[in-house]
Amino acid sequence: MSNLLIRGVRYDDVVQIAAIEKICFPAAEAAGQDSFAARIAAFPDSFFVAEFDGAIIGFINGCATNSPVLYDELFHDATQHLPDGENLTVFGLDVLPECRRQGIAARLMRHFIETARKNGKKRVLLTCKEALVPYYASFGYKNDGLSASTHGGAEWFDMTLTL
């Protein structure tokens, strides 16, 4: 996908982003349009979209925190974002199913990690389901074990990338 553009989010992206989230995550785990609007307002510098031929096909977003883990309240309350927090979290890495296995998620993740590095963050944190632990490990994330998160009623694993 040589025409793929990774760019910062814009307010007018919110409808497309919410629609992609609904496709990529079960209803209990998916953020809605209002949540994405709040995230865009609170931390646009750590919210990126993948655009192909003018259409958004994926995105990555997360806030900054001083917490050593991504805790559930962060997903639901954008005011918990600490711009000077030492860690950057990944709330979601979404790519439309028909666009997967082409390196788009990897490009989004590498862009996100590089942004964290440039902004002086110490770590990038995320939670994922067990099946995705090896995928995130391929970027250098360490599996910290079962998470205390109960987001969406799923079982999650804490992952940390030290920068």
C-alpha atoms as a PDB file:
ATOM      1  CA  MET A   1       0.000   0.000   0.000  1.00  0.00           C
ATOM      2  CA  SER A   2       2.312   2.681  -1.243  1.00  0.00           C
ATOM      3  CA  ASN A   3      -0.496   5.263  -1.190  1.00  0.00           C
ATOM      4  CA  LEU A   4      -1.093   4.748   2.530  1.00  0.00           C
ATOM      5  CA  LEU A   5      -0.942   7.932   4.573  1.00  0.00           C
ATOM      6  CA  ILE A   6      -0.517   7.950   8.357  1.00  0.00           C
ATOM      7  CA  ARG A   7      -1.731  11.315   9.653  1.00  0.00           C
ATOM      8  CA  GLY A   8      -3.005  13.001  12.768  1.00  0.00           C
ATOM      9  CA  VAL A   9      -6.696  12.679  13.495  1.00  0.00           C
ATOM     10  CA  ARG A  10      -9.155  15.465  12.656  1.00  0.00           C
ATOM     11  CA  TYR A  11     -12.524  16.189  14.245  1.00  0.00           C
ATOM     12  CA  ASP A  12     -14.325  15.342  11.026  1.00  0.00           C
ATOM     13  CA  ASP A  13     -12.871  11.792  11.185  1.00  0.00           C
ATOM     14  CA  VAL A  14     -14.984  10.825  14.204  1.00  0.00           C
ATOM     15  CA  VAL A  15     -17.882   9.209  12.310  1.00  0.00           C
ATOM     16  CA  GLN A  16     -15.569   6.990  10.230  1.00  0.00           C
ATOM     17  CA  ILE A  17     -13.493   6.085  13.280  1.00  0.00           C
ATOM     18  CA  ALA A  18     -16.532   5.045  15.321  1.00  0.00           C
ATOM     19  CA  ALA A  19     -17.795   2.935  12.416  1.00  0.00           C
ATOM     20  CA  ILE A  20     -14.435   1.132  12.117  1.00  0.00           C
ATOM     21  CA  GLU A  21     -14.356   0.520  15.876  1.00  0.00           C
ATOM     22  CA  LYS A  22     -17.813  -1.140  15.699  1.00  0.00           C
ATOM     23  CA  ILE A  23     -16.496  -3.513  13.041  1.00  0.00           C
ATOM     24  CA  CYS A  24     -13.237  -4.316  14.848  1.00  0.00           C
ATOM     25  CA  PHE A  25     -14.407  -4.808  18.445  1.00  0.00           C
ATOM     26  CA  PRO A  26     -17.352  -6.509  20.147  1.00  0.00           C
ATOM     27  CA  ALA A  27     -20.058  -4.081  21.295  1.00  0.00           C
ATOM     28  CA  ALA A  28     -19.050  -4.411  24.977  1.00  0.00           C
ATOM     29  CA  GLU A  29     -15.486  -3.311  24.148  1.00  0.00           C
ATOM     30  CA  ALA A  30     -16.064  -0.749  21.379  1.00  0.00           C
ATOM     31  CA  ALA A  31     -15.858   2.964  22.055  1.00  0.00           C
ATOM     32  CA  GLY A  32     -18.598   5.154  20.606  1.00  0.00           C
ATOM     33  CA  GLN A  33     -18.623   8.396  18.703  1.00  0.00           C
ATOM     34  CA  ASP A  34     -18.890  10.541  21.857  1.00  0.00           C
ATOM     35  CA  SER A  35     -15.895   8.787  23.400  1.00  0.00           C
ATOM     36  CA  PHE A  36     -13.828   9.310  20.260  1.00  0.00           C
ATOM     37  CA  ALA A  37     -14.808  12.985  20.104  1.00  0.00           C
ATOM     38  CA  ALA A  38     -13.614  13.407  23.705  1.00  0.00           C
ATOM     39  CA  ARG A  39     -10.352  11.599  22.913  1.00  0.00           C
ATOM     40  CA  ILE A  40      -9.708  13.760  19.851  1.00  0.00           C
ATOM     41  CA  ALA A  41     -10.247  16.860  21.994  1.00  0.00           C
ATOM     42  CA  ALA A  42      -8.045  15.614  24.848  1.00  0.00           C
ATOM     43  CA  PHE A  43      -5.108  13.953  23.069  1.00  0.00           C
ATOM     44  CA  PRO A  44      -4.998  14.627  19.322  1.00  0.00           C
ATOM     45  CA  ASP A  45      -1.185  14.335  19.401  1.00  0.00           C
ATOM     46  CA  SER A  46      -1.465  10.595  20.121  1.00  0.00           C
ATOM     47  CA  PHE A  47      -4.315   9.711  17.770  1.00  0.00           C
ATOM     48  CA  PHE A  48      -3.432   8.710  14.208  1.00  0.00           C
ATOM     49  CA  VAL A  49      -5.379   7.400  11.241  1.00  0.00           C
ATOM     50  CA  ALA A  50      -4.334   5.300   8.260  1.00  0.00           C
ATOM     51  CA  GLU A  51      -5.851   6.727   5.110  1.00  0.00           C
ATOM     52  CA  PHE A  52      -5.897   5.058   1.687  1.00  0.00           C
ATOM     53  CA  ASP A  53      -7.282   6.849  -1.364  1.00  0.00           C
ATOM     54  CA  GLY A  54      -9.024   9.377   0.894  1.00  0.00           C
ATOM     55  CA  ALA A  55     -10.740   6.797   3.116  1.00  0.00           C
ATOM     56  CA  ILE A  56      -9.799   5.947   6.694  1.00  0.00           C
ATOM     57  CA  ILE A  57      -9.028   2.232   6.915  1.00  0.00           C
ATOM     58  CA  GLY A  58      -7.501   2.097  10.395  1.00  0.00           C
ATOM     59  CA  PHE A  59      -6.348   4.051  13.411  1.00  0.00           C
ATOM     60  CA  ILE A  60      -4.442   3.956  16.683  1.00  0.00           C
ATOM     61  CA  ASN A  61      -5.016   6.094  19.763  1.00  0.00           C
ATOM     62  CA  GLY A  62      -4.149   6.391  23.428  1.00  0.00           C
ATOM     63  CA  CYS A  63      -3.489   8.855  26.206  1.00  0.00           C
ATOM     64  CA  ALA A  64      -0.519   9.682  28.408  1.00  0.00           C
ATOM     65  CA  THR A  65      -0.420   8.599  32.046  1.00  0.00           C
ATOM     66  CA  ASN A  66       1.982   8.090  34.927  1.00  0.00           C
ATOM     67  CA  SER A  67       0.389   4.738  35.715  1.00  0.00           C
ATOM     68  CA  PRO A  68       2.533   1.649  35.008  1.00  0.00           C
ATOM     69  CA  VAL A  69      -0.540  -0.121  33.544  1.00  0.00           C
ATOM     70  CA  LEU A  70      -3.502   0.797  31.366  1.00  0.00           C
ATOM     71  CA  TYR A  71      -6.451   0.824  33.777  1.00  0.00           C
ATOM     72  CA  ASP A  72     -10.106   0.712  32.703  1.00  0.00           C
ATOM     73  CA  GLU A  73     -11.073   4.267  33.701  1.00  0.00           C
ATOM     74  CA  LEU A  74      -8.655   5.636  31.082  1.00  0.00           C
ATOM     75  CA  PHE A  75     -10.845   4.189  28.312  1.00  0.00           C
ATOM     76  CA  HIS A  76     -13.934   5.999  29.588  1.00  0.00           C
ATOM     77  CA  ASP A  77     -12.652   9.336  30.881  1.00  0.00           C
ATOM     78  CA  ALA A  78     -10.485  11.406  28.540  1.00  0.00           C
ATOM     79  CA  THR A  79      -9.877  13.935  31.332  1.00  0.00           C
ATOM     80  CA  GLN A  80      -7.500  11.398  32.926  1.00  0.00           C
ATOM     81  CA  HIS A  81      -5.022  12.127  30.116  1.00  0.00           C
ATOM     82  CA  LEU A  82      -1.862  13.685  31.580  1.00  0.00           C
ATOM     83  CA  PRO A  83      -0.053  15.485  28.733  1.00  0.00           C
ATOM     84  CA  ASP A  84       3.230  15.272  30.650  1.00  0.00           C
ATOM     85  CA  GLY A  85       2.673  11.658  31.747  1.00  0.00           C
ATOM     86  CA  GLU A  86       5.718   9.442  31.395  1.00  0.00           C
ATOM     87  CA  ASN A  87       3.890   6.628  29.587  1.00  0.00           C
ATOM     88  CA  LEU A  88       1.773   6.516  26.442  1.00  0.00           C
ATOM     89  CA  THR A  89      -1.067   3.994  26.265  1.00  0.00           C
ATOM     90  CA  VAL A  90      -2.625   2.235  23.294  1.00  0.00           C
ATOM     91  CA  PHE A  91      -6.423   2.147  23.594  1.00  0.00           C
ATOM     92  CA  GLY A  92      -6.962   0.517  20.254  1.00  0.00           C
ATOM     93  CA  LEU A  93      -5.264  -0.488  17.046  1.00  0.00           C
ATOM     94  CA  ASP A  94      -8.040  -0.934  14.480  1.00  0.00           C
ATOM     95  CA  VAL A  95      -7.762  -1.913  10.816  1.00  0.00           C
ATOM     96  CA  LEU A  96     -10.734  -2.827   8.635  1.00  0.00           C
ATOM     97  CA  PRO A  97     -10.863  -6.608   8.109  1.00  0.00           C
ATOM     98  CA  GLU A  98     -10.528  -6.350   4.320  1.00  0.00           C
ATOM     99  CA  CYS A  99      -7.331  -4.298   4.743  1.00  0.00           C
ATOM    100  CA  ARG A 100      -5.562  -6.563   7.243  1.00  0.00           C
ATOM    101  CA  ARG A 101      -2.368  -8.550   6.651  1.00  0.00           C
ATOM    102  CA  GLN A 102      -0.845  -5.768   4.557  1.00  0.00           C
ATOM    103  CA  GLY A 103       1.320  -4.169   7.258  1.00  0.00           C
ATOM    104  CA  ILE A 104      -1.078  -1.302   8.039  1.00  0.00           C
ATOM    105  CA  ALA A 105      -1.369  -2.077  11.760  1.00  0.00           C
ATOM    106  CA  ALA A 106       2.409  -2.410  11.959  1.00  0.00           C
ATOM    107  CA  ARG A 107       2.897   0.980  10.295  1.00  0.00           C
ATOM    108  CA  LEU A 108       0.424   2.572  12.702  1.00  0.00           C
ATOM    109  CA  MET A 109       2.150   0.947  15.691  1.00  0.00           C
ATOM    110  CA  ARG A 110       5.643   1.962  14.570  1.00  0.00           C
ATOM    111  CA  HIS A 111       4.425   5.546  14.031  1.00  0.00           C
ATOM    112  CA  PHE A 112       2.855   5.550  17.500  1.00  0.00           C
ATOM    113  CA  ILE A 113       6.020   4.181  19.141  1.00  0.00           C
ATOM    114  CA  GLU A 114       8.178   6.736  17.332  1.00  0.00           C
ATOM    115  CA  THR A 115       5.832   9.521  18.472  1.00  0.00           C
ATOM    116  CA  ALA A 116       6.153   8.312  22.075  1.00  0.00           C
ATOM    117  CA  ARG A 117       9.938   8.259  21.723  1.00  0.00           C
ATOM    118  CA  LYS A 118      10.078  11.777  20.197  1.00  0.00           C
ATOM    119  CA  ASN A 119       7.862  13.079  23.006  1.00  0.00           C
ATOM    120  CA  GLY A 120      10.158  11.697  25.701  1.00  0.00           C
ATOM    121  CA  LYS A 121       7.855   8.974  26.997  1.00  0.00           C
ATOM    122  CA  LYS A 122       9.467   6.157  28.977  1.00  0.00           C
ATOM    123  CA  ARG A 123       7.082   3.362  27.972  1.00  0.00           C
ATOM    124  CA  VAL A 124       4.180   2.423  25.749  1.00  0.00           C
ATOM    125  CA  LEU A 125       1.491   0.381  27.515  1.00  0.00           C
ATOM    126  CA  LEU A 126      -1.358  -1.696  26.174  1.00  0.00           C
ATOM    127  CA  THR A 127      -3.680  -4.523  27.058  1.00  0.00           C
ATOM    128  CA  CYS A 128      -4.518  -7.296  24.623  1.00  0.00           C
ATOM    129  CA  LYS A 129      -6.149 -10.671  24.429  1.00  0.00           C
ATOM    130  CA  GLU A 130      -3.920 -13.730  24.747  1.00  0.00           C
ATOM    131  CA  ALA A 131      -3.943 -14.489  21.015  1.00  0.00           C
ATOM    132  CA  LEU A 132      -2.336 -11.098  20.282  1.00  0.00           C
ATOM    133  CA  VAL A 133       0.487 -11.341  22.837  1.00  0.00           C
ATOM    134  CA  PRO A 134       2.961 -12.697  20.221  1.00  0.00           C
ATOM    135  CA  TYR A 135       2.012  -9.967  17.739  1.00  0.00           C
ATOM    136  CA  TYR A 136       2.770  -7.166  20.186  1.00  0.00           C
ATOM    137  CA  ALA A 137       5.893  -8.980  21.400  1.00  0.00           C
ATOM    138  CA  SER A 138       7.176  -8.682  17.813  1.00  0.00           C
ATOM    139  CA  PHE A 139       7.390  -4.897  18.389  1.00  0.00           C
ATOM    140  CA  GLY A 140       9.354  -5.418  21.607  1.00  0.00           C
ATOM    141  CA  TYR A 141       6.488  -5.370  24.116  1.00  0.00           C
ATOM    142  CA  LYS A 142       6.969  -7.537  27.192  1.00  0.00           C
ATOM    143  CA  ASN A 143       4.067  -9.602  28.511  1.00  0.00           C
ATOM    144  CA  ASP A 144       3.509  -8.547  32.132  1.00  0.00           C
ATOM    145  CA  GLY A 145       0.847 -11.205  32.688  1.00  0.00           C
ATOM    146  CA  LEU A 146      -2.860 -11.178  33.274  1.00  0.00           C
ATOM    147  CA  SER A 147      -4.288  -7.672  33.604  1.00  0.00           C
ATOM    148  CA  ALA A 148      -6.616  -6.411  36.322  1.00  0.00           C
ATOM    149  CA  SER A 149      -8.700  -4.924  33.488  1.00  0.00           C
ATOM    150  CA  THR A 150     -12.253  -6.163  33.101  1.00  0.00           C
ATOM    151  CA  HIS A 151     -12.987  -3.935  30.085  1.00  0.00           C
ATOM    152  CA  GLY A 152     -15.862  -5.387  28.084  1.00  0.00           C
ATOM    153  CA  GLY A 153     -15.913  -8.493  30.275  1.00  0.00           C
ATOM    154  CA  ALA A 154     -12.853  -9.928  28.491  1.00  0.00           C
ATOM    155  CA  GLU A 155      -9.584 -11.358  29.803  1.00  0.00           C
ATOM    156  CA  TRP A 156      -6.633  -9.071  29.029  1.00  0.00           C
ATOM    157  CA  PHE A 157      -2.862  -9.182  29.312  1.00  0.00           C
ATOM    158  CA  ASP A 158      -0.720  -6.177  30.262  1.00  0.00           C
ATOM    159  CA  MET A 159       2.069  -5.431  27.779  1.00  0.00           C
ATOM    160  CA  THR A 160       4.897  -2.902  28.212  1.00  0.00           C
ATOM    161  CA  LEU A 161       7.364  -1.534  25.697  1.00  0.00           C
ATOM    162  CA  THR A 162      10.256   0.237  27.393  1.00  0.00           C
ATOM    163  CA  LEU A 163      11.668   3.001  25.201  1.00  0.00           C
END
